Amino acid sequence: MPEEDTDAFEVVETPPSYQVTRPRYFGLTPRGIVVAIAVGALALAIVGFATGNVTVGVLLLVAAVFLTALYVEQARRRRESSFDRVTAAAVDHTKALAGFTGASVRAWTGAGREVAKLRVEASMRARERSQIQYALGAACFENDEAQIENLRDQMRLCTERIDECAAEARTALERRKRRASRERLALRRTQIRKPS
């Protein structure tokens, strides 16, 4: 078989181009027309409430809320215009703040319950210690050495438990503070650093 001559050619590499199809609801671009319709519906709802047409006002208000939610969701997905980016950032920040607030409330409520329980126990132990101290005074007056030693041990146990309750309460509060500070990280802005 004879070798065939081939012509040399130069390969030019070009980056591929592509387009992403964006969903359109009701054939409208949510960024423009939906915002205008939502603002119009809100204005008409206010007029409806002012003129006494409560039913019309409520229906238009529901429509405005629905259209605003539609716009916000599309803005979070697309982020094409500066208004979309501002809206998406505001919604994202609000969601992060709500998450932080919920976690913080749960953490501090749990800590409050735990600390309250420990304070109640410490208070009961303090009353018990007062009664033991009163009985110890009577045992000292009667010179009952066995009773004095027994009451001193009981009083020492009560004092130790009161101190343990105070330490556990401080530990519970510190744990909650650490958890809240970890949750607070969700609110910080992400820093994008270029590689060196």
N, C-alpha and C. Protein backbone atom coordinates (compact mmCIF):
# COMPACT_ATOMS: atom_id res chain seq x y z
N MET A 1 0.82 -1.17 0.00
CA MET A 1 0.00 0.00 0.00
C MET A 1 0.87 1.24 0.00
N PRO A 2 0.67 2.09 -0.92
CA PRO A 2 1.48 3.30 -0.96
C PRO A 2 0.99 4.30 0.08
N GLU A 3 1.92 5.11 0.61
CA GLU A 3 1.56 6.14 1.61
C GLU A 3 0.94 7.33 0.90
N GLU A 4 -0.15 7.79 1.46
CA GLU A 4 -0.81 8.95 0.86
C GLU A 4 -0.30 10.22 1.51
N ASP A 5 -0.12 11.19 0.71
CA ASP A 5 0.32 12.47 1.26
C ASP A 5 -0.88 13.20 1.84
N THR A 6 -0.65 13.78 3.00
CA THR A 6 -1.71 14.58 3.62
C THR A 6 -1.21 15.99 3.80
N ASP A 7 -2.11 16.90 3.72
CA ASP A 7 -1.76 18.30 3.91
C ASP A 7 -1.78 18.61 5.42
N ALA A 8 -0.82 19.36 5.84
CA ALA A 8 -0.77 19.79 7.24
C ALA A 8 -1.74 20.95 7.42
N PHE A 9 -2.38 20.97 8.56
CA PHE A 9 -3.26 22.09 8.85
C PHE A 9 -3.06 22.50 10.31
N GLU A 10 -3.41 23.73 10.58
CA GLU A 10 -3.21 24.28 11.91
C GLU A 10 -4.51 24.13 12.71
N VAL A 11 -4.39 23.64 13.95
CA VAL A 11 -5.55 23.47 14.83
C VAL A 11 -5.71 24.73 15.66
N VAL A 12 -6.87 25.31 15.56
CA VAL A 12 -7.17 26.51 16.33
C VAL A 12 -8.18 26.13 17.40
N GLU A 13 -7.79 26.33 18.66
CA GLU A 13 -8.70 25.99 19.76
C GLU A 13 -9.45 27.24 20.19
N THR A 14 -10.75 27.14 20.17
CA THR A 14 -11.58 28.24 20.64
C THR A 14 -12.42 27.73 21.81
N PRO A 15 -12.63 28.57 22.78
CA PRO A 15 -13.44 28.11 23.91
C PRO A 15 -14.88 27.91 23.47
N PRO A 16 -15.53 26.93 24.04
CA PRO A 16 -16.93 26.68 23.65
C PRO A 16 -17.82 27.80 24.18
N SER A 17 -18.88 28.03 23.48
CA SER A 17 -19.88 28.99 23.95
C SER A 17 -21.19 28.24 24.14
N TYR A 18 -21.92 28.68 25.12
CA TYR A 18 -23.18 28.01 25.40
C TYR A 18 -24.16 29.04 25.95
N GLN A 19 -25.41 28.67 25.94
CA GLN A 19 -26.45 29.52 26.50
C GLN A 19 -27.28 28.67 27.46
N VAL A 20 -27.70 29.29 28.50
CA VAL A 20 -28.53 28.62 29.48
C VAL A 20 -29.95 29.13 29.32
N THR A 21 -30.87 28.23 29.19
CA THR A 21 -32.27 28.62 29.05
C THR A 21 -32.83 28.91 30.43
N ARG A 22 -33.36 30.09 30.60
CA ARG A 22 -33.93 30.51 31.87
C ARG A 22 -35.43 30.29 31.84
N PRO A 23 -36.00 29.81 32.96
CA PRO A 23 -37.45 29.62 32.97
C PRO A 23 -38.17 30.96 33.01
N ARG A 24 -39.28 31.01 32.34
CA ARG A 24 -40.12 32.19 32.35
C ARG A 24 -41.52 31.75 32.78
N TYR A 25 -42.03 32.44 33.77
CA TYR A 25 -43.35 32.10 34.28
C TYR A 25 -44.39 32.96 33.59
N PHE A 26 -45.41 32.34 33.11
CA PHE A 26 -46.51 33.00 32.41
C PHE A 26 -46.00 33.77 31.19
N GLY A 27 -44.85 33.38 30.68
CA GLY A 27 -44.29 34.03 29.52
C GLY A 27 -43.68 35.39 29.83
N LEU A 28 -43.58 35.77 31.09
CA LEU A 28 -43.06 37.06 31.47
C LEU A 28 -41.70 36.90 32.14
N THR A 29 -40.86 37.87 31.95
CA THR A 29 -39.60 37.88 32.67
C THR A 29 -39.87 38.40 34.07
N PRO A 30 -39.62 37.62 35.10
CA PRO A 30 -39.96 38.06 36.46
C PRO A 30 -39.26 39.33 36.88
N ARG A 31 -38.10 39.59 36.31
CA ARG A 31 -37.32 40.74 36.75
C ARG A 31 -38.01 42.05 36.48
N GLY A 32 -38.66 42.19 35.40
CA GLY A 32 -39.23 43.48 35.03
C GLY A 32 -40.72 43.59 35.23
N ILE A 33 -41.45 42.83 34.45
CA ILE A 33 -42.90 42.98 34.43
C ILE A 33 -43.54 42.50 35.73
N VAL A 34 -43.01 41.44 36.30
CA VAL A 34 -43.60 40.92 37.55
C VAL A 34 -43.46 41.94 38.67
N VAL A 35 -42.32 42.62 38.73
CA VAL A 35 -42.14 43.65 39.76
C VAL A 35 -43.15 44.77 39.54
N ALA A 36 -43.33 45.18 38.30
CA ALA A 36 -44.28 46.26 38.01
C ALA A 36 -45.70 45.84 38.38
N ILE A 37 -46.07 44.62 38.05
CA ILE A 37 -47.42 44.15 38.38
C ILE A 37 -47.59 44.04 39.90
N ALA A 38 -46.54 43.58 40.60
CA ALA A 38 -46.61 43.46 42.06
C ALA A 38 -46.78 44.82 42.71
N VAL A 39 -46.03 45.82 42.24
CA VAL A 39 -46.15 47.17 42.78
C VAL A 39 -47.53 47.73 42.48
N GLY A 40 -48.01 47.50 41.25
CA GLY A 40 -49.35 47.96 40.90
C GLY A 40 -50.42 47.30 41.75
N ALA A 41 -50.30 46.00 41.96
CA ALA A 41 -51.28 45.29 42.79
C ALA A 41 -51.25 45.80 44.22
N LEU A 42 -50.07 46.09 44.74
CA LEU A 42 -49.96 46.63 46.10
C LEU A 42 -50.61 48.00 46.19
N ALA A 43 -50.36 48.85 45.19
CA ALA A 43 -50.97 50.18 45.18
C ALA A 43 -52.50 50.07 45.11
N LEU A 44 -52.99 49.19 44.24
CA LEU A 44 -54.44 49.02 44.13
C LEU A 44 -55.03 48.40 45.40
N ALA A 45 -54.27 47.55 46.08
CA ALA A 45 -54.75 46.98 47.34
C ALA A 45 -54.90 48.08 48.39
N ILE A 46 -53.93 48.99 48.43
CA ILE A 46 -54.02 50.11 49.38
C ILE A 46 -55.23 50.98 49.06
N VAL A 47 -55.45 51.23 47.76
CA VAL A 47 -56.62 52.01 47.35
C VAL A 47 -57.89 51.26 47.72
N GLY A 48 -57.89 49.94 47.53
CA GLY A 48 -59.06 49.13 47.88
C GLY A 48 -59.38 49.20 49.37
N PHE A 49 -58.35 49.13 50.20
CA PHE A 49 -58.58 49.24 51.64
C PHE A 49 -59.05 50.64 52.02
N ALA A 50 -58.49 51.66 51.36
CA ALA A 50 -58.86 53.04 51.67
C ALA A 50 -60.30 53.34 51.29
N THR A 51 -60.78 52.74 50.20
CA THR A 51 -62.16 53.01 49.76
C THR A 51 -63.18 52.07 50.40
N GLY A 52 -62.72 51.12 51.20
CA GLY A 52 -63.65 50.23 51.89
C GLY A 52 -63.89 48.91 51.19
N ASN A 53 -63.26 48.67 50.06
CA ASN A 53 -63.38 47.39 49.37
C ASN A 53 -62.35 46.41 49.95
N VAL A 54 -62.66 45.86 51.11
CA VAL A 54 -61.72 45.00 51.82
C VAL A 54 -61.44 43.73 51.03
N THR A 55 -62.45 43.13 50.44
CA THR A 55 -62.26 41.89 49.69
C THR A 55 -61.30 42.10 48.52
N VAL A 56 -61.53 43.16 47.78
CA VAL A 56 -60.66 43.46 46.64
C VAL A 56 -59.25 43.77 47.14
N GLY A 57 -59.17 44.52 48.23
CA GLY A 57 -57.87 44.86 48.81
C GLY A 57 -57.10 43.63 49.23
N VAL A 58 -57.78 42.67 49.87
CA VAL A 58 -57.11 41.44 50.32
C VAL A 58 -56.66 40.62 49.12
N LEU A 59 -57.50 40.49 48.12
CA LEU A 59 -57.12 39.71 46.93
C LEU A 59 -55.91 40.34 46.22
N LEU A 60 -55.93 41.66 46.07
CA LEU A 60 -54.80 42.32 45.43
C LEU A 60 -53.54 42.24 46.29
N LEU A 61 -53.69 42.29 47.59
CA LEU A 61 -52.54 42.16 48.49
C LEU A 61 -51.94 40.75 48.39
N VAL A 62 -52.79 39.74 48.33
CA VAL A 62 -52.31 38.36 48.15
C VAL A 62 -51.59 38.22 46.81
N ALA A 63 -52.14 38.82 45.77
CA ALA A 63 -51.49 38.77 44.46
C ALA A 63 -50.13 39.47 44.50
N ALA A 64 -50.06 40.61 45.18
CA ALA A 64 -48.79 41.34 45.29
C ALA A 64 -47.76 40.52 46.04
N VAL A 65 -48.18 39.87 47.11
CA VAL A 65 -47.25 39.03 47.88
C VAL A 65 -46.79 37.85 47.03
N PHE A 66 -47.70 37.21 46.32
CA PHE A 66 -47.34 36.08 45.46
C PHE A 66 -46.35 36.51 44.38
N LEU A 67 -46.62 37.61 43.72
CA LEU A 67 -45.73 38.08 42.66
C LEU A 67 -44.37 38.52 43.21
N THR A 68 -44.37 39.12 44.39
CA THR A 68 -43.10 39.50 45.01
C THR A 68 -42.28 38.26 45.35
N ALA A 69 -42.94 37.23 45.88
CA ALA A 69 -42.23 35.98 46.17
C ALA A 69 -41.67 35.35 44.90
N LEU A 70 -42.45 35.42 43.81
CA LEU A 70 -41.98 34.91 42.53
C LEU A 70 -40.75 35.67 42.06
N TYR A 71 -40.79 37.00 42.18
CA TYR A 71 -39.63 37.80 41.78
C TYR A 71 -38.41 37.49 42.64
N VAL A 72 -38.62 37.40 43.95
CA VAL A 72 -37.50 37.16 44.86
C VAL A 72 -36.83 35.83 44.54
N GLU A 73 -37.63 34.81 44.28
CA GLU A 73 -37.04 33.50 43.95
C GLU A 73 -36.25 33.56 42.65
N GLN A 74 -36.79 34.24 41.66
CA GLN A 74 -36.07 34.37 40.39
C GLN A 74 -34.81 35.23 40.55
N ALA A 75 -34.89 36.26 41.38
CA ALA A 75 -33.72 37.10 41.61
C ALA A 75 -32.62 36.31 42.30
N ARG A 76 -33.01 35.44 43.22
CA ARG A 76 -32.00 34.62 43.91
C ARG A 76 -31.35 33.63 42.94
N ARG A 77 -32.10 33.15 41.97
CA ARG A 77 -31.53 32.21 41.00
C ARG A 77 -30.68 32.89 39.95
N ARG A 78 -31.13 34.02 39.46
CA ARG A 78 -30.48 34.63 38.29
C ARG A 78 -29.40 35.63 38.65
N ARG A 79 -29.69 36.56 39.52
CA ARG A 79 -28.74 37.60 39.93
C ARG A 79 -28.12 38.32 38.73
N GLU A 80 -28.97 38.67 37.77
CA GLU A 80 -28.47 39.31 36.55
C GLU A 80 -28.25 40.80 36.71
N SER A 81 -29.22 41.50 37.28
CA SER A 81 -29.08 42.95 37.42
C SER A 81 -28.62 43.29 38.83
N SER A 82 -28.26 44.53 39.01
CA SER A 82 -27.82 44.95 40.35
C SER A 82 -28.99 44.88 41.33
N PHE A 83 -30.20 45.18 40.87
CA PHE A 83 -31.38 45.08 41.74
C PHE A 83 -31.62 43.63 42.15
N ASP A 84 -31.42 42.69 41.21
CA ASP A 84 -31.54 41.27 41.53
C ASP A 84 -30.52 40.87 42.59
N ARG A 85 -29.29 41.32 42.43
CA ARG A 85 -28.23 40.96 43.38
C ARG A 85 -28.51 41.55 44.76
N VAL A 86 -28.99 42.80 44.79
CA VAL A 86 -29.31 43.42 46.09
C VAL A 86 -30.47 42.67 46.75
N THR A 87 -31.49 42.35 45.97
CA THR A 87 -32.64 41.62 46.51
C THR A 87 -32.22 40.25 47.02
N ALA A 88 -31.44 39.53 46.22
CA ALA A 88 -30.98 38.20 46.63
C ALA A 88 -30.11 38.28 47.88
N ALA A 89 -29.24 39.27 47.94
CA ALA A 89 -28.38 39.41 49.12
C ALA A 89 -29.21 39.72 50.37
N ALA A 90 -30.23 40.57 50.20
CA ALA A 90 -31.09 40.90 51.34
C ALA A 90 -31.85 39.68 51.82
N VAL A 91 -32.37 38.89 50.89
CA VAL A 91 -33.11 37.68 51.26
C VAL A 91 -32.17 36.67 51.92
N ASP A 92 -30.99 36.48 51.34
CA ASP A 92 -30.03 35.54 51.91
C ASP A 92 -29.62 35.97 53.32
N HIS A 93 -29.37 37.27 53.49
CA HIS A 93 -28.98 37.77 54.81
C HIS A 93 -30.12 37.61 55.81
N THR A 94 -31.35 37.87 55.36
CA THR A 94 -32.50 37.71 56.24
C THR A 94 -32.67 36.26 56.66
N LYS A 95 -32.48 35.33 55.72
CA LYS A 95 -32.59 33.91 56.06
C LYS A 95 -31.49 33.51 57.05
N ALA A 96 -30.27 33.99 56.83
CA ALA A 96 -29.18 33.68 57.75
C ALA A 96 -29.46 34.27 59.13
N LEU A 97 -29.98 35.49 59.17
CA LEU A 97 -30.30 36.14 60.43
C LEU A 97 -31.41 35.38 61.16
N ALA A 98 -32.41 34.92 60.41
CA ALA A 98 -33.49 34.15 61.02
C ALA A 98 -32.96 32.83 61.57
N GLY A 99 -32.08 32.18 60.83
CA GLY A 99 -31.48 30.94 61.32
C GLY A 99 -30.66 31.17 62.58
N PHE A 100 -29.87 32.26 62.58
CA PHE A 100 -29.08 32.58 63.77
C PHE A 100 -29.99 32.89 64.95
N THR A 101 -31.04 33.67 64.71
CA THR A 101 -31.95 34.03 65.78
C THR A 101 -32.62 32.80 66.37
N GLY A 102 -33.09 31.90 65.50
CA GLY A 102 -33.73 30.68 65.99
C GLY A 102 -32.77 29.82 66.79
N ALA A 103 -31.55 29.64 66.28
CA ALA A 103 -30.56 28.83 67.00
C ALA A 103 -30.19 29.49 68.32
N SER A 104 -30.07 30.81 68.31
CA SER A 104 -29.72 31.53 69.53
C SER A 104 -30.83 31.42 70.57
N VAL A 105 -32.06 31.59 70.14
CA VAL A 105 -33.19 31.47 71.07
C VAL A 105 -33.27 30.07 71.64
N ARG A 106 -33.10 29.06 70.79
CA ARG A 106 -33.13 27.68 71.29
C ARG A 106 -32.00 27.44 72.28
N ALA A 107 -30.81 27.93 71.96
CA ALA A 107 -29.66 27.72 72.84
C ALA A 107 -29.86 28.39 74.19
N TRP A 108 -30.28 29.66 74.16
CA TRP A 108 -30.42 30.39 75.41
C TRP A 108 -31.64 29.92 76.21
N THR A 109 -32.67 29.46 75.54
CA THR A 109 -33.81 28.91 76.26
C THR A 109 -33.41 27.63 76.97
N GLY A 110 -32.67 26.78 76.26
CA GLY A 110 -32.18 25.55 76.90
C GLY A 110 -31.26 25.86 78.06
N ALA A 111 -30.38 26.83 77.89
CA ALA A 111 -29.47 27.21 78.98
C ALA A 111 -30.26 27.79 80.14
N GLY A 112 -31.28 28.59 79.84
CA GLY A 112 -32.09 29.16 80.91
C GLY A 112 -32.81 28.10 81.73
N ARG A 113 -33.33 27.09 81.03
CA ARG A 113 -34.00 26.00 81.76
C ARG A 113 -33.01 25.26 82.64
N GLU A 114 -31.85 24.96 82.06
CA GLU A 114 -30.83 24.22 82.81
C GLU A 114 -30.35 25.02 84.01
N VAL A 115 -30.08 26.31 83.83
CA VAL A 115 -29.61 27.16 84.92
C VAL A 115 -30.70 27.31 85.98
N ALA A 116 -31.94 27.46 85.56
CA ALA A 116 -33.04 27.59 86.52
C ALA A 116 -33.17 26.33 87.37
N LYS A 117 -33.04 25.16 86.72
CA LYS A 117 -33.11 23.91 87.47
C LYS A 117 -31.98 23.82 88.50
N LEU A 118 -30.78 24.22 88.08
CA LEU A 118 -29.64 24.19 88.98
C LEU A 118 -29.80 25.19 90.13
N ARG A 119 -30.37 26.35 89.84
CA ARG A 119 -30.58 27.35 90.90
C ARG A 119 -31.63 26.88 91.90
N VAL A 120 -32.67 26.21 91.41
CA VAL A 120 -33.68 25.66 92.32
C VAL A 120 -33.04 24.61 93.23
N GLU A 121 -32.23 23.75 92.65
CA GLU A 121 -31.56 22.72 93.46
C GLU A 121 -30.62 23.37 94.47
N ALA A 122 -29.87 24.39 94.04
CA ALA A 122 -28.95 25.08 94.96
C ALA A 122 -29.73 25.75 96.09
N SER A 123 -30.87 26.32 95.77
CA SER A 123 -31.70 26.96 96.79
C SER A 123 -32.23 25.93 97.80
N MET A 124 -32.65 24.77 97.29
CA MET A 124 -33.13 23.71 98.19
C MET A 124 -31.98 23.23 99.09
N ARG A 125 -30.79 23.10 98.51
CA ARG A 125 -29.63 22.67 99.31
C ARG A 125 -29.26 23.73 100.34
N ALA A 126 -29.42 25.00 99.99
CA ALA A 126 -29.12 26.07 100.95
C ALA A 126 -30.09 26.03 102.13
N ARG A 127 -31.38 25.79 101.85
CA ARG A 127 -32.36 25.65 102.94
C ARG A 127 -32.03 24.44 103.80
N GLU A 128 -31.68 23.34 103.13
CA GLU A 128 -31.30 22.13 103.86
C GLU A 128 -30.07 22.40 104.73
N ARG A 129 -29.10 23.16 104.20
CA ARG A 129 -27.89 23.48 104.95
C ARG A 129 -28.23 24.34 106.16
N SER A 130 -29.18 25.27 106.00
CA SER A 130 -29.60 26.09 107.14
C SER A 130 -30.21 25.25 108.24
N GLN A 131 -31.03 24.27 107.86
CA GLN A 131 -31.64 23.39 108.86
C GLN A 131 -30.57 22.54 109.55
N ILE A 132 -29.60 22.07 108.75
CA ILE A 132 -28.51 21.28 109.33
C ILE A 132 -27.69 22.14 110.28
N GLN A 133 -27.45 23.40 109.89
CA GLN A 133 -26.68 24.31 110.72
C GLN A 133 -27.41 24.57 112.05
N TYR A 134 -28.72 24.70 111.99
CA TYR A 134 -29.51 24.89 113.21
C TYR A 134 -29.39 23.66 114.11
N ALA A 135 -29.50 22.46 113.48
CA ALA A 135 -29.37 21.22 114.25
C ALA A 135 -27.95 21.06 114.80
N LEU A 136 -26.95 21.53 114.04
CA LEU A 136 -25.57 21.45 114.49
C LEU A 136 -25.35 22.33 115.74
N GLY A 137 -25.99 23.48 115.76
CA GLY A 137 -25.90 24.34 116.94
C GLY A 137 -26.49 23.65 118.16
N ALA A 138 -27.61 22.97 117.97
CA ALA A 138 -28.23 22.25 119.09
C ALA A 138 -27.33 21.10 119.54
N ALA A 139 -26.70 20.39 118.58
CA ALA A 139 -25.81 19.26 118.93
C ALA A 139 -24.58 19.78 119.66
N CYS A 140 -24.07 20.96 119.26
CA CYS A 140 -22.91 21.55 119.96
C CYS A 140 -23.31 21.95 121.38
N PHE A 141 -24.50 22.48 121.54
CA PHE A 141 -24.96 22.88 122.87
C PHE A 141 -25.06 21.67 123.79
N GLU A 142 -25.48 20.51 123.21
CA GLU A 142 -25.64 19.30 124.00
C GLU A 142 -24.34 18.50 124.08
N ASN A 143 -23.28 18.93 123.41
CA ASN A 143 -21.98 18.22 123.37
C ASN A 143 -22.11 16.79 122.88
N ASP A 144 -22.92 16.57 121.84
CA ASP A 144 -23.11 15.24 121.24
C ASP A 144 -22.13 15.12 120.08
N GLU A 145 -20.94 14.56 120.35
CA GLU A 145 -19.85 14.49 119.37
C GLU A 145 -20.24 13.69 118.11
N ALA A 146 -20.94 12.57 118.28
CA ALA A 146 -21.34 11.74 117.13
C ALA A 146 -22.29 12.52 116.22
N GLN A 147 -23.24 13.20 116.84
CA GLN A 147 -24.21 13.99 116.07
C GLN A 147 -23.51 15.18 115.40
N ILE A 148 -22.57 15.81 116.10
CA ILE A 148 -21.83 16.95 115.55
C ILE A 148 -21.08 16.51 114.29
N GLU A 149 -20.38 15.39 114.36
CA GLU A 149 -19.62 14.90 113.20
C GLU A 149 -20.53 14.55 112.03
N ASN A 150 -21.66 13.90 112.32
CA ASN A 150 -22.63 13.54 111.28
C ASN A 150 -23.20 14.80 110.60
N LEU A 151 -23.56 15.80 111.39
CA LEU A 151 -24.13 17.03 110.83
C LEU A 151 -23.09 17.82 110.06
N ARG A 152 -21.83 17.82 110.50
CA ARG A 152 -20.77 18.49 109.75
C ARG A 152 -20.59 17.85 108.37
N ASP A 153 -20.63 16.51 108.32
CA ASP A 153 -20.51 15.82 107.03
C ASP A 153 -21.67 16.18 106.11
N GLN A 154 -22.89 16.19 106.66
CA GLN A 154 -24.06 16.55 105.86
C GLN A 154 -23.95 17.99 105.35
N MET A 155 -23.46 18.88 106.24
CA MET A 155 -23.32 20.28 105.85
C MET A 155 -22.26 20.44 104.78
N ARG A 156 -21.17 19.69 104.89
CA ARG A 156 -20.12 19.74 103.87
C ARG A 156 -20.66 19.24 102.53
N LEU A 157 -21.45 18.17 102.53
CA LEU A 157 -22.05 17.65 101.29
C LEU A 157 -22.98 18.68 100.66
N CYS A 158 -23.78 19.35 101.47
CA CYS A 158 -24.70 20.38 100.94
C CYS A 158 -23.91 21.52 100.32
N THR A 159 -22.86 21.97 101.00
CA THR A 159 -22.05 23.07 100.48
C THR A 159 -21.37 22.66 99.18
N GLU A 160 -20.86 21.43 99.13
CA GLU A 160 -20.22 20.95 97.89
C GLU A 160 -21.22 20.91 96.74
N ARG A 161 -22.44 20.45 97.02
CA ARG A 161 -23.44 20.36 95.96
C ARG A 161 -23.86 21.76 95.49
N ILE A 162 -23.94 22.72 96.41
CA ILE A 162 -24.26 24.10 96.02
C ILE A 162 -23.17 24.63 95.10
N ASP A 163 -21.91 24.38 95.45
CA ASP A 163 -20.80 24.83 94.61
C ASP A 163 -20.82 24.13 93.25
N GLU A 164 -21.16 22.83 93.23
CA GLU A 164 -21.26 22.09 91.96
C GLU A 164 -22.36 22.67 91.08
N CYS A 165 -23.51 23.02 91.69
CA CYS A 165 -24.61 23.62 90.92
C CYS A 165 -24.17 24.93 90.29
N ALA A 166 -23.45 25.75 91.05
CA ALA A 166 -22.97 27.03 90.52
C ALA A 166 -21.99 26.79 89.37
N ALA A 167 -21.09 25.81 89.52
CA ALA A 167 -20.11 25.51 88.48
C ALA A 167 -20.81 24.96 87.23
N GLU A 168 -21.81 24.09 87.41
CA GLU A 168 -22.54 23.54 86.27
C GLU A 168 -23.31 24.64 85.54
N ALA A 169 -23.85 25.59 86.29
CA ALA A 169 -24.58 26.70 85.66
C ALA A 169 -23.62 27.55 84.83
N ARG A 170 -22.43 27.85 85.36
CA ARG A 170 -21.45 28.62 84.60
C ARG A 170 -21.02 27.85 83.34
N THR A 171 -20.83 26.54 83.48
CA THR A 171 -20.45 25.72 82.32
C THR A 171 -21.54 25.72 81.26
N ALA A 172 -22.80 25.61 81.69
CA ALA A 172 -23.92 25.62 80.74
C ALA A 172 -23.97 26.95 80.00
N LEU A 173 -23.77 28.05 80.70
CA LEU A 173 -23.80 29.36 80.04
C LEU A 173 -22.62 29.51 79.07
N GLU A 174 -21.45 29.04 79.45
CA GLU A 174 -20.29 29.11 78.56
C GLU A 174 -20.50 28.28 77.30
N ARG A 175 -21.10 27.10 77.48
CA ARG A 175 -21.40 26.23 76.33
C ARG A 175 -22.34 26.94 75.37
N ARG A 176 -23.36 27.60 75.90
CA ARG A 176 -24.32 28.31 75.05
C ARG A 176 -23.67 29.49 74.36
N LYS A 177 -22.77 30.18 75.06
CA LYS A 177 -22.07 31.31 74.43
C LYS A 177 -21.22 30.83 73.26
N ARG A 178 -20.53 29.70 73.44
CA ARG A 178 -19.71 29.17 72.35
C ARG A 178 -20.58 28.77 71.18
N ARG A 179 -21.71 28.13 71.47
CA ARG A 179 -22.62 27.72 70.39
C ARG A 179 -23.18 28.92 69.65
N ALA A 180 -23.55 29.96 70.38
CA ALA A 180 -24.07 31.17 69.74
C ALA A 180 -23.01 31.84 68.89
N SER A 181 -21.77 31.83 69.34
CA SER A 181 -20.71 32.45 68.53
C SER A 181 -20.45 31.64 67.26
N ARG A 182 -20.59 30.30 67.33
CA ARG A 182 -20.46 29.49 66.12
C ARG A 182 -21.59 29.79 65.15
N GLU A 183 -22.80 29.95 65.67
CA GLU A 183 -23.94 30.27 64.82
C GLU A 183 -23.80 31.66 64.20
N ARG A 184 -23.14 32.57 64.92
CA ARG A 184 -22.96 33.93 64.42
C ARG A 184 -22.09 33.95 63.18
N LEU A 185 -21.25 32.92 63.01
CA LEU A 185 -20.40 32.85 61.82
C LEU A 185 -21.21 32.81 60.53
N ALA A 186 -22.43 32.28 60.61
CA ALA A 186 -23.28 32.20 59.41
C ALA A 186 -23.66 33.58 58.90
N LEU A 187 -23.58 34.58 59.76
CA LEU A 187 -23.96 35.93 59.34
C LEU A 187 -22.81 36.71 58.72
N ARG A 188 -21.61 36.22 58.89
CA ARG A 188 -20.46 36.94 58.35
C ARG A 188 -20.42 36.82 56.84
N ARG A 189 -19.89 37.84 56.23
CA ARG A 189 -19.74 37.81 54.78
C ARG A 189 -18.63 36.85 54.41
N THR A 190 -18.85 36.13 53.33
CA THR A 190 -17.82 35.24 52.82
C THR A 190 -16.75 36.08 52.14
N GLN A 191 -15.53 35.83 52.50
CA GLN A 191 -14.43 36.57 51.89
C GLN A 191 -13.83 35.71 50.79
N ILE A 192 -13.76 36.28 49.61
CA ILE A 192 -13.18 35.59 48.48
C ILE A 192 -11.76 36.11 48.28
N ARG A 193 -10.82 35.23 48.39
CA ARG A 193 -9.41 35.62 48.25
C ARG A 193 -8.83 34.95 47.03
N LYS A 194 -8.11 35.71 46.27
CA LYS A 194 -7.49 35.16 45.08
C LYS A 194 -6.23 34.40 45.48
N PRO A 195 -5.99 33.28 44.83
CA PRO A 195 -4.81 32.51 45.19
C PRO A 195 -3.54 33.29 44.89
N SER A 196 -2.53 33.09 45.71
CA SER A 196 -1.26 33.82 45.54
C SER A 196 -0.41 33.16 44.48
